[in-house]
Amino acid sequence: MRPKLLAAVVLTTLLCAVLPALAANAKKEARFEIQLLWGTDLAKSPDTKHKPVEPDVERKLKSLPLKFKNYFLVSKNVVVVTIGQTQKVQVSEKCEVELKNVDNLKFELAFFGKGKQTAKRSQDFPLGEMLIHGGNAPGSNAWLVVVKRIE
């Protein structure tokens, strides 16, 4: 009789320890900022609506082998993605980003230009991590999409 009682106590203890953790994990969500940037060698953006990029984004851009001297914020969106969910965010008229929360650490990202998928990647995305994706723009400019995990 004691082995059955011991097994029941061990099972109950395990369930009490594991179930709350599983329930908490199921509710977890991740918050991202998706920024559309314009890269240029001009000192000022010709569009007065553009703003300077945030200092942490600027540091990251300056650490990359990009040729532009200045970057300007065109738009910023915040998106919340729970585990197992996919969110598609329209960054501009021609650009969309799709985020899938695989397990709250691993995410799948897809980039769309003019309705067609241009790139897809899967990676771990811890808090504070940034992914920068870019392409050419008219003249000697470029557009960049910054995906930053903020929560």
N, C-alpha and C. Protein backbone atom coordinates (compact mmCIF):
# COMPACT_ATOMS: atom_id res chain seq x y z
N MET A 1 0.82 -1.19 0.00
CA MET A 1 0.00 0.00 0.00
C MET A 1 0.87 1.25 0.00
N ARG A 2 1.97 1.21 0.69
CA ARG A 2 2.84 2.37 0.74
C ARG A 2 3.40 2.74 -0.64
N PRO A 3 3.78 1.79 -1.47
CA PRO A 3 4.28 2.17 -2.80
C PRO A 3 3.23 2.91 -3.62
N LYS A 4 1.96 2.53 -3.51
CA LYS A 4 0.90 3.23 -4.24
C LYS A 4 0.72 4.64 -3.72
N LEU A 5 0.79 4.79 -2.42
CA LEU A 5 0.65 6.12 -1.81
C LEU A 5 1.82 7.01 -2.21
N LEU A 6 3.02 6.43 -2.19
CA LEU A 6 4.21 7.18 -2.59
C LEU A 6 4.10 7.61 -4.06
N ALA A 7 3.64 6.71 -4.92
CA ALA A 7 3.48 7.03 -6.35
C ALA A 7 2.44 8.13 -6.53
N ALA A 8 1.37 8.08 -5.78
CA ALA A 8 0.33 9.12 -5.89
C ALA A 8 0.87 10.47 -5.43
N VAL A 9 1.64 10.48 -4.37
CA VAL A 9 2.22 11.73 -3.86
C VAL A 9 3.22 12.31 -4.87
N VAL A 10 4.05 11.46 -5.44
CA VAL A 10 5.03 11.92 -6.43
C VAL A 10 4.31 12.46 -7.67
N LEU A 11 3.30 11.75 -8.14
CA LEU A 11 2.55 12.20 -9.31
C LEU A 11 1.85 13.53 -9.05
N THR A 12 1.23 13.66 -7.91
CA THR A 12 0.55 14.90 -7.55
C THR A 12 1.54 16.06 -7.46
N THR A 13 2.70 15.81 -6.87
CA THR A 13 3.73 16.84 -6.76
C THR A 13 4.21 17.27 -8.14
N LEU A 14 4.45 16.32 -9.01
CA LEU A 14 4.89 16.64 -10.37
C LEU A 14 3.84 17.45 -11.12
N LEU A 15 2.59 17.03 -11.00
CA LEU A 15 1.51 17.76 -11.69
C LEU A 15 1.38 19.18 -11.16
N CYS A 16 1.50 19.34 -9.85
CA CYS A 16 1.41 20.68 -9.26
C CYS A 16 2.56 21.56 -9.70
N ALA A 17 3.71 20.96 -9.97
CA ALA A 17 4.87 21.74 -10.40
C ALA A 17 4.83 22.04 -11.90
N VAL A 18 4.40 21.07 -12.69
CA VAL A 18 4.47 21.20 -14.15
C VAL A 18 3.28 21.94 -14.74
N LEU A 19 2.08 21.67 -14.30
CA LEU A 19 0.89 22.29 -14.90
C LEU A 19 0.89 23.81 -14.85
N PRO A 20 1.22 24.44 -13.73
CA PRO A 20 1.26 25.91 -13.75
C PRO A 20 2.30 26.45 -14.72
N ALA A 21 3.43 25.77 -14.83
CA ALA A 21 4.47 26.22 -15.77
C ALA A 21 3.97 26.10 -17.20
N LEU A 22 3.29 25.01 -17.51
CA LEU A 22 2.75 24.84 -18.86
C LEU A 22 1.67 25.88 -19.15
N ALA A 23 0.82 26.14 -18.19
CA ALA A 23 -0.24 27.13 -18.37
C ALA A 23 0.36 28.52 -18.56
N ALA A 24 1.38 28.85 -17.78
CA ALA A 24 2.02 30.17 -17.91
C ALA A 24 2.68 30.29 -19.28
N ASN A 25 3.34 29.22 -19.73
CA ASN A 25 4.01 29.25 -21.02
C ASN A 25 3.01 29.41 -22.15
N ALA A 26 1.83 28.81 -22.03
CA ALA A 26 0.81 28.89 -23.07
C ALA A 26 0.28 30.31 -23.22
N LYS A 27 0.33 31.09 -22.17
CA LYS A 27 -0.18 32.46 -22.21
C LYS A 27 0.88 33.46 -22.65
N LYS A 28 2.11 33.03 -22.72
CA LYS A 28 3.19 33.97 -23.02
C LYS A 28 3.01 34.59 -24.40
N GLU A 29 3.44 35.81 -24.47
CA GLU A 29 3.39 36.54 -25.72
C GLU A 29 4.67 37.33 -25.86
N ALA A 30 4.95 37.73 -27.06
CA ALA A 30 6.13 38.54 -27.35
C ALA A 30 5.66 39.81 -28.04
N ARG A 31 6.31 40.91 -27.70
CA ARG A 31 5.97 42.21 -28.29
C ARG A 31 7.17 42.67 -29.13
N PHE A 32 6.85 43.07 -30.35
CA PHE A 32 7.88 43.52 -31.29
C PHE A 32 7.57 44.93 -31.79
N GLU A 33 8.63 45.64 -32.09
CA GLU A 33 8.52 46.91 -32.80
C GLU A 33 9.03 46.65 -34.21
N ILE A 34 8.27 47.05 -35.18
CA ILE A 34 8.69 46.92 -36.58
C ILE A 34 8.81 48.33 -37.14
N GLN A 35 10.03 48.67 -37.51
CA GLN A 35 10.32 50.03 -37.98
C GLN A 35 10.72 50.00 -39.44
N LEU A 36 10.20 50.95 -40.19
CA LEU A 36 10.62 51.15 -41.57
C LEU A 36 11.56 52.35 -41.56
N LEU A 37 12.78 52.14 -42.06
CA LEU A 37 13.79 53.19 -42.09
C LEU A 37 14.18 53.52 -43.51
N TRP A 38 14.69 54.72 -43.67
CA TRP A 38 15.22 55.17 -44.95
C TRP A 38 16.69 55.50 -44.72
N GLY A 39 17.58 54.88 -45.49
CA GLY A 39 19.01 55.12 -45.38
C GLY A 39 19.48 56.02 -46.51
N THR A 40 20.33 56.99 -46.18
CA THR A 40 20.79 57.95 -47.17
C THR A 40 22.10 58.58 -46.71
N ASP A 41 22.78 59.25 -47.64
CA ASP A 41 23.96 60.03 -47.28
C ASP A 41 23.60 61.49 -47.02
N LEU A 42 22.35 61.86 -47.28
CA LEU A 42 21.91 63.23 -47.03
C LEU A 42 21.89 63.51 -45.53
N ALA A 43 22.20 64.74 -45.14
CA ALA A 43 22.20 65.11 -43.73
C ALA A 43 20.78 65.20 -43.17
N LYS A 44 19.83 65.60 -44.03
CA LYS A 44 18.43 65.71 -43.62
C LYS A 44 17.56 64.98 -44.63
N SER A 45 16.48 64.42 -44.11
CA SER A 45 15.53 63.76 -45.00
C SER A 45 14.70 64.82 -45.72
N PRO A 46 14.44 64.65 -47.00
CA PRO A 46 13.59 65.60 -47.71
C PRO A 46 12.12 65.51 -47.24
N ASP A 47 11.77 64.45 -46.53
CA ASP A 47 10.41 64.28 -46.02
C ASP A 47 10.39 64.75 -44.56
N THR A 48 9.67 65.80 -44.28
CA THR A 48 9.63 66.37 -42.93
C THR A 48 8.95 65.45 -41.92
N LYS A 49 8.22 64.45 -42.39
CA LYS A 49 7.58 63.49 -41.49
C LYS A 49 8.57 62.47 -40.92
N HIS A 50 9.70 62.29 -41.60
CA HIS A 50 10.72 61.35 -41.12
C HIS A 50 11.34 61.88 -39.84
N LYS A 51 11.66 60.95 -38.93
CA LYS A 51 12.27 61.30 -37.65
C LYS A 51 13.62 60.60 -37.53
N PRO A 52 14.48 61.09 -36.66
CA PRO A 52 15.76 60.37 -36.43
C PRO A 52 15.47 58.99 -35.83
N VAL A 53 16.34 58.03 -36.11
CA VAL A 53 16.17 56.70 -35.54
C VAL A 53 16.56 56.73 -34.06
N GLU A 54 16.08 55.75 -33.31
CA GLU A 54 16.39 55.65 -31.89
C GLU A 54 17.87 55.32 -31.71
N PRO A 55 18.47 55.75 -30.61
CA PRO A 55 19.91 55.52 -30.39
C PRO A 55 20.36 54.06 -30.48
N ASP A 56 19.58 53.13 -29.93
CA ASP A 56 20.00 51.72 -29.98
C ASP A 56 19.97 51.18 -31.41
N VAL A 57 19.01 51.63 -32.19
CA VAL A 57 18.92 51.21 -33.59
C VAL A 57 20.08 51.82 -34.37
N GLU A 58 20.37 53.09 -34.10
CA GLU A 58 21.48 53.75 -34.79
C GLU A 58 22.81 53.05 -34.49
N ARG A 59 23.03 52.67 -33.23
CA ARG A 59 24.26 51.95 -32.86
C ARG A 59 24.36 50.64 -33.64
N LYS A 60 23.26 49.92 -33.72
CA LYS A 60 23.25 48.65 -34.44
C LYS A 60 23.56 48.87 -35.92
N LEU A 61 22.93 49.87 -36.52
CA LEU A 61 23.16 50.16 -37.95
C LEU A 61 24.61 50.55 -38.20
N LYS A 62 25.18 51.36 -37.32
CA LYS A 62 26.57 51.81 -37.49
C LYS A 62 27.55 50.65 -37.32
N SER A 63 27.14 49.59 -36.61
CA SER A 63 28.02 48.43 -36.42
C SER A 63 28.00 47.49 -37.63
N LEU A 64 27.07 47.71 -38.54
CA LEU A 64 26.95 46.87 -39.73
C LEU A 64 27.71 47.47 -40.90
N PRO A 65 28.09 46.65 -41.87
CA PRO A 65 28.82 47.18 -43.03
C PRO A 65 27.88 47.83 -44.07
N LEU A 66 27.14 48.83 -43.62
CA LEU A 66 26.25 49.56 -44.51
C LEU A 66 26.93 50.86 -44.93
N LYS A 67 26.62 51.34 -46.11
CA LYS A 67 27.34 52.50 -46.65
C LYS A 67 26.73 53.84 -46.30
N PHE A 68 25.56 53.88 -45.70
CA PHE A 68 24.86 55.15 -45.51
C PHE A 68 25.31 55.87 -44.25
N LYS A 69 25.30 57.19 -44.33
CA LYS A 69 25.70 58.02 -43.20
C LYS A 69 24.56 58.27 -42.24
N ASN A 70 23.32 58.34 -42.76
CA ASN A 70 22.17 58.69 -41.94
C ASN A 70 20.98 57.78 -42.21
N TYR A 71 20.19 57.61 -41.15
CA TYR A 71 18.99 56.78 -41.23
C TYR A 71 17.85 57.54 -40.59
N PHE A 72 16.67 57.42 -41.20
CA PHE A 72 15.50 58.14 -40.71
C PHE A 72 14.33 57.17 -40.54
N LEU A 73 13.57 57.38 -39.47
CA LEU A 73 12.41 56.56 -39.17
C LEU A 73 11.23 57.03 -40.03
N VAL A 74 10.69 56.12 -40.82
CA VAL A 74 9.54 56.42 -41.68
C VAL A 74 8.25 56.05 -40.96
N SER A 75 8.23 54.83 -40.36
CA SER A 75 7.05 54.39 -39.63
C SER A 75 7.46 53.38 -38.57
N LYS A 76 6.59 53.23 -37.57
CA LYS A 76 6.84 52.26 -36.50
C LYS A 76 5.52 51.62 -36.10
N ASN A 77 5.52 50.31 -35.98
CA ASN A 77 4.36 49.53 -35.55
C ASN A 77 4.77 48.65 -34.39
N VAL A 78 3.84 48.42 -33.47
CA VAL A 78 4.06 47.47 -32.39
C VAL A 78 3.09 46.32 -32.61
N VAL A 79 3.60 45.10 -32.49
CA VAL A 79 2.77 43.91 -32.68
C VAL A 79 3.02 42.94 -31.53
N VAL A 80 1.95 42.31 -31.08
CA VAL A 80 2.02 41.30 -30.03
C VAL A 80 1.67 39.96 -30.66
N VAL A 81 2.53 38.96 -30.43
CA VAL A 81 2.33 37.64 -31.01
C VAL A 81 2.41 36.59 -29.90
N THR A 82 1.33 35.85 -29.70
CA THR A 82 1.33 34.79 -28.70
C THR A 82 1.87 33.50 -29.32
N ILE A 83 2.25 32.57 -28.47
CA ILE A 83 2.82 31.30 -28.95
C ILE A 83 1.84 30.62 -29.90
N GLY A 84 2.37 30.19 -31.05
CA GLY A 84 1.57 29.51 -32.06
C GLY A 84 0.84 30.44 -33.02
N GLN A 85 0.85 31.72 -32.72
CA GLN A 85 0.12 32.69 -33.53
C GLN A 85 1.03 33.30 -34.60
N THR A 86 0.42 33.72 -35.70
CA THR A 86 1.11 34.44 -36.76
C THR A 86 0.42 35.78 -36.95
N GLN A 87 1.22 36.84 -37.03
CA GLN A 87 0.69 38.18 -37.26
C GLN A 87 1.37 38.76 -38.50
N LYS A 88 0.57 39.38 -39.35
CA LYS A 88 1.10 40.06 -40.53
C LYS A 88 0.90 41.55 -40.32
N VAL A 89 1.96 42.32 -40.49
CA VAL A 89 1.93 43.76 -40.24
C VAL A 89 2.27 44.50 -41.52
N GLN A 90 1.44 45.44 -41.88
CA GLN A 90 1.72 46.27 -43.04
C GLN A 90 2.63 47.41 -42.60
N VAL A 91 3.84 47.41 -43.13
CA VAL A 91 4.85 48.39 -42.76
C VAL A 91 4.73 49.64 -43.63
N SER A 92 4.38 49.42 -44.89
CA SER A 92 4.14 50.52 -45.83
C SER A 92 3.15 50.02 -46.87
N GLU A 93 2.88 50.85 -47.83
CA GLU A 93 1.96 50.47 -48.90
C GLU A 93 2.45 49.24 -49.66
N LYS A 94 3.78 49.10 -49.76
CA LYS A 94 4.36 48.01 -50.55
C LYS A 94 5.03 46.93 -49.71
N CYS A 95 5.12 47.11 -48.41
CA CYS A 95 5.92 46.21 -47.58
C CYS A 95 5.12 45.66 -46.40
N GLU A 96 5.24 44.33 -46.19
CA GLU A 96 4.62 43.67 -45.05
C GLU A 96 5.63 42.73 -44.40
N VAL A 97 5.45 42.52 -43.09
CA VAL A 97 6.26 41.57 -42.35
C VAL A 97 5.32 40.62 -41.64
N GLU A 98 5.64 39.33 -41.71
CA GLU A 98 4.84 38.32 -41.03
C GLU A 98 5.70 37.68 -39.95
N LEU A 99 5.16 37.63 -38.73
CA LEU A 99 5.87 37.05 -37.59
C LEU A 99 5.09 35.86 -37.05
N LYS A 100 5.77 34.76 -36.83
CA LYS A 100 5.14 33.60 -36.20
C LYS A 100 5.92 33.27 -34.93
N ASN A 101 5.20 33.20 -33.81
CA ASN A 101 5.80 32.87 -32.52
C ASN A 101 5.76 31.34 -32.39
N VAL A 102 6.90 30.70 -32.55
CA VAL A 102 6.97 29.24 -32.48
C VAL A 102 6.90 28.77 -31.03
N ASP A 103 7.80 29.32 -30.17
CA ASP A 103 7.82 28.88 -28.77
C ASP A 103 8.23 29.99 -27.80
N ASN A 104 8.05 31.20 -28.21
CA ASN A 104 8.36 32.41 -27.44
C ASN A 104 9.85 32.70 -27.36
N LEU A 105 10.66 31.89 -28.00
CA LEU A 105 12.08 32.20 -28.19
C LEU A 105 12.40 32.12 -29.68
N LYS A 106 11.88 31.09 -30.32
CA LYS A 106 12.11 30.91 -31.76
C LYS A 106 10.94 31.52 -32.52
N PHE A 107 11.29 32.30 -33.56
CA PHE A 107 10.29 32.98 -34.38
C PHE A 107 10.61 32.77 -35.85
N GLU A 108 9.56 32.76 -36.65
CA GLU A 108 9.70 32.72 -38.10
C GLU A 108 9.26 34.07 -38.63
N LEU A 109 10.09 34.67 -39.48
CA LEU A 109 9.79 35.97 -40.06
C LEU A 109 9.77 35.85 -41.57
N ALA A 110 8.80 36.48 -42.18
CA ALA A 110 8.70 36.51 -43.64
C ALA A 110 8.51 37.96 -44.05
N PHE A 111 9.22 38.36 -45.09
CA PHE A 111 9.14 39.73 -45.60
C PHE A 111 8.49 39.70 -46.98
N PHE A 112 7.58 40.65 -47.19
CA PHE A 112 6.84 40.72 -48.44
C PHE A 112 7.01 42.09 -49.06
N GLY A 113 7.25 42.12 -50.35
CA GLY A 113 7.33 43.36 -51.11
C GLY A 113 6.37 43.28 -52.28
N LYS A 114 5.49 44.25 -52.39
CA LYS A 114 4.48 44.27 -53.45
C LYS A 114 3.68 42.97 -53.50
N GLY A 115 3.38 42.41 -52.32
CA GLY A 115 2.56 41.22 -52.22
C GLY A 115 3.29 39.90 -52.40
N LYS A 116 4.57 39.93 -52.76
CA LYS A 116 5.33 38.70 -52.97
C LYS A 116 6.36 38.53 -51.85
N GLN A 117 6.49 37.29 -51.39
CA GLN A 117 7.47 37.02 -50.35
C GLN A 117 8.87 37.20 -50.91
N THR A 118 9.69 38.01 -50.24
CA THR A 118 11.04 38.28 -50.70
C THR A 118 12.10 37.57 -49.86
N ALA A 119 11.77 37.26 -48.62
CA ALA A 119 12.73 36.58 -47.74
C ALA A 119 11.98 35.91 -46.60
N LYS A 120 12.60 34.85 -46.07
CA LYS A 120 12.02 34.17 -44.91
C LYS A 120 13.18 33.64 -44.08
N ARG A 121 13.03 33.75 -42.76
CA ARG A 121 14.06 33.20 -41.89
C ARG A 121 13.43 32.75 -40.58
N SER A 122 14.12 31.85 -39.93
CA SER A 122 13.69 31.33 -38.64
C SER A 122 14.88 31.49 -37.70
N GLN A 123 14.63 32.07 -36.52
CA GLN A 123 15.74 32.28 -35.60
C GLN A 123 15.25 32.48 -34.18
N ASP A 124 16.18 32.27 -33.23
CA ASP A 124 15.90 32.63 -31.85
C ASP A 124 15.88 34.14 -31.76
N PHE A 125 14.96 34.68 -30.97
CA PHE A 125 14.77 36.12 -30.88
C PHE A 125 14.60 36.51 -29.41
N PRO A 126 15.71 36.52 -28.64
CA PRO A 126 15.60 36.91 -27.23
C PRO A 126 15.27 38.40 -27.09
N LEU A 127 14.88 38.78 -25.90
CA LEU A 127 14.53 40.17 -25.61
C LEU A 127 15.69 41.09 -25.98
N GLY A 128 15.37 42.19 -26.69
CA GLY A 128 16.38 43.16 -27.10
C GLY A 128 17.02 42.87 -28.45
N GLU A 129 16.81 41.68 -28.97
CA GLU A 129 17.39 41.30 -30.26
C GLU A 129 16.78 42.13 -31.39
N MET A 130 17.61 42.45 -32.40
CA MET A 130 17.15 43.19 -33.57
C MET A 130 17.53 42.42 -34.84
N LEU A 131 16.63 42.44 -35.79
CA LEU A 131 16.90 41.90 -37.12
C LEU A 131 16.70 43.05 -38.09
N ILE A 132 17.66 43.22 -39.00
CA ILE A 132 17.57 44.31 -39.97
C ILE A 132 17.57 43.69 -41.36
N HIS A 133 16.55 44.06 -42.13
CA HIS A 133 16.37 43.56 -43.49
C HIS A 133 16.25 44.77 -44.40
N GLY A 134 16.92 44.77 -45.53
CA GLY A 134 16.88 45.97 -46.37
C GLY A 134 16.91 45.68 -47.85
N GLY A 135 16.78 46.77 -48.59
CA GLY A 135 16.82 46.69 -50.04
C GLY A 135 17.06 48.06 -50.65
N ASN A 136 17.27 48.07 -51.95
CA ASN A 136 17.56 49.32 -52.66
C ASN A 136 16.32 50.19 -52.80
N ALA A 137 16.57 51.48 -52.87
CA ALA A 137 15.53 52.47 -53.13
C ALA A 137 16.05 53.34 -54.28
N PRO A 138 15.19 54.17 -54.86
CA PRO A 138 15.65 55.03 -55.96
C PRO A 138 16.83 55.91 -55.55
N GLY A 139 17.72 56.16 -56.49
CA GLY A 139 18.89 56.99 -56.21
C GLY A 139 19.89 56.23 -55.36
N SER A 140 20.62 56.93 -54.54
CA SER A 140 21.62 56.28 -53.67
C SER A 140 21.05 56.14 -52.26
N ASN A 141 19.86 55.62 -52.16
CA ASN A 141 19.17 55.44 -50.90
C ASN A 141 18.81 53.96 -50.71
N ALA A 142 18.34 53.64 -49.52
CA ALA A 142 17.88 52.28 -49.25
C ALA A 142 16.76 52.33 -48.23
N TRP A 143 15.94 51.30 -48.22
CA TRP A 143 14.94 51.13 -47.18
C TRP A 143 15.41 49.97 -46.31
N LEU A 144 15.09 50.04 -45.05
CA LEU A 144 15.43 48.98 -44.11
C LEU A 144 14.23 48.72 -43.21
N VAL A 145 14.02 47.47 -42.86
CA VAL A 145 13.00 47.11 -41.90
C VAL A 145 13.74 46.56 -40.68
N VAL A 146 13.46 47.17 -39.52
CA VAL A 146 14.07 46.72 -38.27
C VAL A 146 12.97 46.03 -37.47
N VAL A 147 13.24 44.79 -37.10
CA VAL A 147 12.33 44.04 -36.23
C VAL A 147 13.05 43.90 -34.90
N LYS A 148 12.45 44.49 -33.86
CA LYS A 148 13.10 44.53 -32.55
C LYS A 148 12.17 43.95 -31.49
N ARG A 149 12.66 42.97 -30.76
CA ARG A 149 11.84 42.40 -29.67
C ARG A 149 11.95 43.31 -28.45
N ILE A 150 10.81 43.81 -28.00
CA ILE A 150 10.81 44.77 -26.89
C ILE A 150 10.20 44.21 -25.61
N GLU A 151 9.56 43.05 -25.69
CA GLU A 151 8.96 42.45 -24.49
C GLU A 151 8.79 40.97 -24.68
